[in-house]
Structures are given as structure tokens and as C-alpha cells.
Amino acid sequence: MQMDYFILIAMWIIGIIGFIVFIPRKEKRKGILVFMIFQAIIWLCDMFSFSNNLLSAPVRFFPKATDLTVTINYLFYPMLFSLYYVHMKANGSLKYRITYFLIWVSSVTLFDMLIERHTNLLEYDRITSFGMWVYNGFIFFMSQMCCSWFYRGRK
């Protein structure tokens, strides 16, 4: 149990430092907006998945406030999506963009599976690993579409 809280604290530290270090200074505004868009979309999706017992989070910060995982879903994954979106090459070939997307979604899902198997931070109740990959892909895709729509025509 103590290791679970150590991992949560490490996610906060890695998330904040990762955002500061790996997002270029000229892209900070875009990174922050992308971060917030991802938070909004994951909040809507997680409300559904946690209320329908697809996922659960036995160990979390703020257990009386919400059943959702604040650290993972509202800090760490949005930071990862910000890195993904800021470094994505929008003018790259379709094959490159699809490969880049699949690598990121698969990496996040692999991290999810490791967290689920080795800690009490996340439990798959009625969802499989492939279902989680589809779920993460859907959230990344919807976030990418919203961000691309917002930044359409801007350089």
C-alpha cells in the first residue's frame, strides 16, 4: 500500500517535470490547452467507465471526493498526451501519423496494464486489456481531433 502512494507521488513529480522539460518554451501555451482538453475528454469517459464498473481505483488520493483516479487520469495521462500532441508532425505522411498514434496508445495501455497487474492503483473489473487499448485509443483520437480542430489554420 505504501508503494502505491510512492508511485502516485512519483507520477506527480515526473508529470510536472516532464511537462516543463520536454515541451519547448514556444509550445507551452499549446501544451497547456491540449492538457486541459484531454482532461475534459477523459473526465467524460471515466465517469462512464467507473460508474459502470469497467474500471476501479482502490488506492488513490482524495478517496472520499471521487471514485476516479486523479493522479493518473488528470495529471499523468494529460501530460503524456501533451507531449504526444506537441511533438506530433501534423504534416507527416499518413503512415507516419498512424504509426506514431499506435505507438503512443500502445505505450499508455502497456503502462496501464503494468499498473493494474502490479499495484492497487487501477483494477480492470469488466474490461480486458484489448478493451483498455481501444478505450485509450478512443480518448487519444477524440482529444487529437478536438485539438486539431482548435488549431486548424494556425501555425
Protein backbone atom coordinates (compact mmCIF):
# COMPACT_ATOMS: atom_id res chain seq x y z
CA MET A 1 0.00 0.00 0.00
CA GLN A 2 2.84 2.38 0.83
CA MET A 3 4.47 1.56 -2.52
CA ASP A 4 1.25 2.59 -4.28
CA TYR A 5 1.40 6.06 -2.73
CA PHE A 6 5.08 6.31 -3.62
CA ILE A 7 4.16 5.58 -7.27
CA LEU A 8 1.43 8.25 -7.17
CA ILE A 9 3.89 10.82 -5.83
CA ALA A 10 6.42 9.79 -8.49
CA MET A 11 3.75 10.33 -11.17
CA TRP A 12 3.16 13.86 -9.88
CA ILE A 13 6.89 14.62 -9.92
CA ILE A 14 7.52 13.01 -13.32
CA GLY A 15 4.41 14.64 -14.78
CA ILE A 16 5.29 18.17 -13.72
CA ILE A 17 8.97 17.89 -14.56
CA GLY A 18 8.18 16.14 -17.86
CA PHE A 19 5.84 18.93 -18.88
CA ILE A 20 8.40 21.61 -18.03
CA VAL A 21 11.40 19.87 -19.59
CA PHE A 22 10.03 18.10 -22.68
CA ILE A 23 7.63 20.72 -24.04
CA PRO A 24 9.53 23.50 -25.81
CA ARG A 25 9.10 27.03 -24.46
CA LYS A 26 7.35 28.26 -27.63
CA GLU A 27 4.85 25.39 -27.38
CA LYS A 28 3.91 25.82 -23.68
CA ARG A 29 0.56 27.51 -24.43
CA LYS A 30 -0.39 24.76 -26.83
CA GLY A 31 0.73 22.15 -24.30
CA ILE A 32 -1.42 23.65 -21.56
CA LEU A 33 -4.53 23.88 -23.75
CA VAL A 34 -4.02 20.33 -25.04
CA PHE A 35 -3.57 19.20 -21.42
CA MET A 36 -6.94 20.73 -20.45
CA ILE A 37 -8.78 19.37 -23.50
CA PHE A 38 -7.53 15.88 -22.70
CA GLN A 39 -8.64 16.29 -19.08
CA ALA A 40 -12.15 17.24 -20.18
CA ILE A 41 -12.48 14.26 -22.53
CA ILE A 42 -11.03 11.73 -20.10
CA TRP A 43 -13.32 13.05 -17.37
CA LEU A 44 -16.40 12.33 -19.50
CA CYS A 45 -15.15 8.87 -20.47
CA ASP A 46 -14.02 7.95 -16.96
CA MET A 47 -17.30 8.97 -15.38
CA PHE A 48 -18.96 6.36 -17.61
CA SER A 49 -16.34 3.65 -17.12
CA PHE A 50 -16.06 4.00 -13.34
CA SER A 51 -19.81 4.29 -12.76
CA ASN A 52 -20.46 1.16 -14.87
CA ASN A 53 -17.76 -0.83 -13.06
CA LEU A 54 -15.48 -1.20 -16.07
CA LEU A 55 -12.58 0.16 -14.00
CA SER A 56 -11.93 0.85 -10.35
CA ALA A 57 -9.20 2.52 -8.34
CA PRO A 58 -8.85 1.05 -4.84
CA VAL A 59 -5.86 3.22 -3.86
CA ARG A 60 -6.00 6.90 -4.81
CA PHE A 61 -5.64 10.40 -3.47
CA PHE A 62 -8.93 12.03 -2.41
CA PRO A 63 -10.88 8.75 -1.90
CA LYS A 64 -13.91 10.48 -0.39
CA ALA A 65 -14.12 13.11 -3.10
CA THR A 66 -14.34 10.87 -6.16
CA ASP A 67 -14.00 7.28 -7.34
CA LEU A 68 -11.79 8.45 -10.21
CA THR A 69 -8.00 8.36 -10.23
CA VAL A 70 -6.98 12.00 -10.03
CA THR A 71 -3.24 11.45 -10.41
CA ILE A 72 -3.30 9.04 -13.33
CA ASN A 73 -6.16 10.49 -15.35
CA TYR A 74 -5.93 14.19 -14.62
CA LEU A 75 -2.21 14.76 -14.38
CA PHE A 76 -0.12 11.94 -15.81
CA TYR A 77 -2.06 10.93 -18.93
CA PRO A 78 -2.84 14.53 -19.94
CA MET A 79 0.87 15.29 -19.64
CA LEU A 80 1.66 12.32 -21.88
CA PHE A 81 -0.95 13.47 -24.40
CA SER A 82 0.54 16.99 -24.34
CA LEU A 83 3.93 15.51 -25.19
CA TYR A 84 2.34 13.41 -27.92
CA TYR A 85 0.45 16.31 -29.49
CA VAL A 86 3.17 18.95 -29.27
CA HIS A 87 5.78 16.65 -30.87
CA MET A 88 3.41 15.15 -33.47
CA LYS A 89 4.22 16.06 -37.05
CA ALA A 90 0.85 17.12 -38.47
CA ASN A 91 2.27 17.38 -41.99
CA GLY A 92 3.87 13.93 -41.92
CA SER A 93 2.68 11.08 -44.08
CA LEU A 94 -0.46 9.22 -43.09
CA LYS A 95 1.57 6.07 -42.40
CA TYR A 96 3.87 8.01 -40.04
CA ARG A 97 0.95 9.62 -38.19
CA ILE A 98 -0.88 6.30 -37.74
CA THR A 99 2.30 4.57 -36.53
CA TYR A 100 3.05 7.42 -34.12
CA PHE A 101 -0.52 7.27 -32.78
CA LEU A 102 -0.46 3.47 -32.35
CA ILE A 103 2.90 3.56 -30.57
CA TRP A 104 1.67 6.16 -28.07
CA VAL A 105 -1.66 4.42 -27.43
CA SER A 106 0.07 1.05 -27.03
CA SER A 107 2.65 2.54 -24.65
CA VAL A 108 -0.03 4.12 -22.46
CA THR A 109 -2.00 0.87 -22.45
CA LEU A 110 1.11 -1.12 -21.54
CA PHE A 111 1.73 1.28 -18.65
CA ASP A 112 -1.94 0.83 -17.64
CA MET A 113 -1.57 -2.95 -17.70
CA LEU A 114 1.61 -2.81 -15.57
CA ILE A 115 -0.11 -0.55 -13.05
CA GLU A 116 -3.13 -2.87 -12.98
CA ARG A 117 -1.11 -6.06 -12.51
CA HIS A 118 1.50 -4.88 -10.00
CA THR A 119 -0.28 -2.27 -7.86
CA ASN A 120 -3.67 -1.46 -6.39
CA LEU A 121 -3.89 1.85 -8.23
CA LEU A 122 -6.10 0.52 -11.01
CA GLU A 123 -8.22 -2.59 -11.49
CA TYR A 124 -9.88 -3.83 -14.64
CA ASP A 125 -13.27 -5.02 -13.48
CA ARG A 126 -15.27 -5.68 -16.64
CA ILE A 127 -12.77 -4.60 -19.28
CA THR A 128 -9.98 -6.56 -20.95
CA SER A 129 -6.51 -5.39 -21.95
CA PHE A 130 -7.64 -5.04 -25.56
CA GLY A 131 -10.70 -3.12 -24.37
CA MET A 132 -8.39 -0.79 -22.49
CA TRP A 133 -6.31 -0.30 -25.64
CA VAL A 134 -9.46 0.63 -27.57
CA TYR A 135 -10.55 2.92 -24.71
CA ASN A 136 -7.18 4.71 -24.63
CA GLY A 137 -7.17 4.93 -28.42
CA PHE A 138 -10.63 6.48 -28.38
CA ILE A 139 -9.62 9.08 -25.79
CA PHE A 140 -6.41 9.93 -27.68
CA PHE A 141 -8.25 10.11 -31.01
CA MET A 142 -11.06 12.33 -29.69
CA SER A 143 -8.56 14.61 -27.94
CA GLN A 144 -6.44 14.82 -31.07
CA MET A 145 -9.48 15.69 -33.20
CA CYS A 146 -10.58 18.44 -30.78
CA CYS A 147 -7.09 19.90 -30.59
CA SER A 148 -6.56 19.72 -34.35
CA TRP A 149 -9.92 21.40 -34.90
CA PHE A 150 -8.97 24.18 -32.49
CA TYR A 151 -5.54 24.73 -34.05
CA ARG A 152 -6.75 24.37 -37.64
CA GLY A 153 -5.22 27.08 -39.80
CA ARG A 154 -2.78 28.26 -37.12
CA LYS A 155 0.96 27.86 -37.35
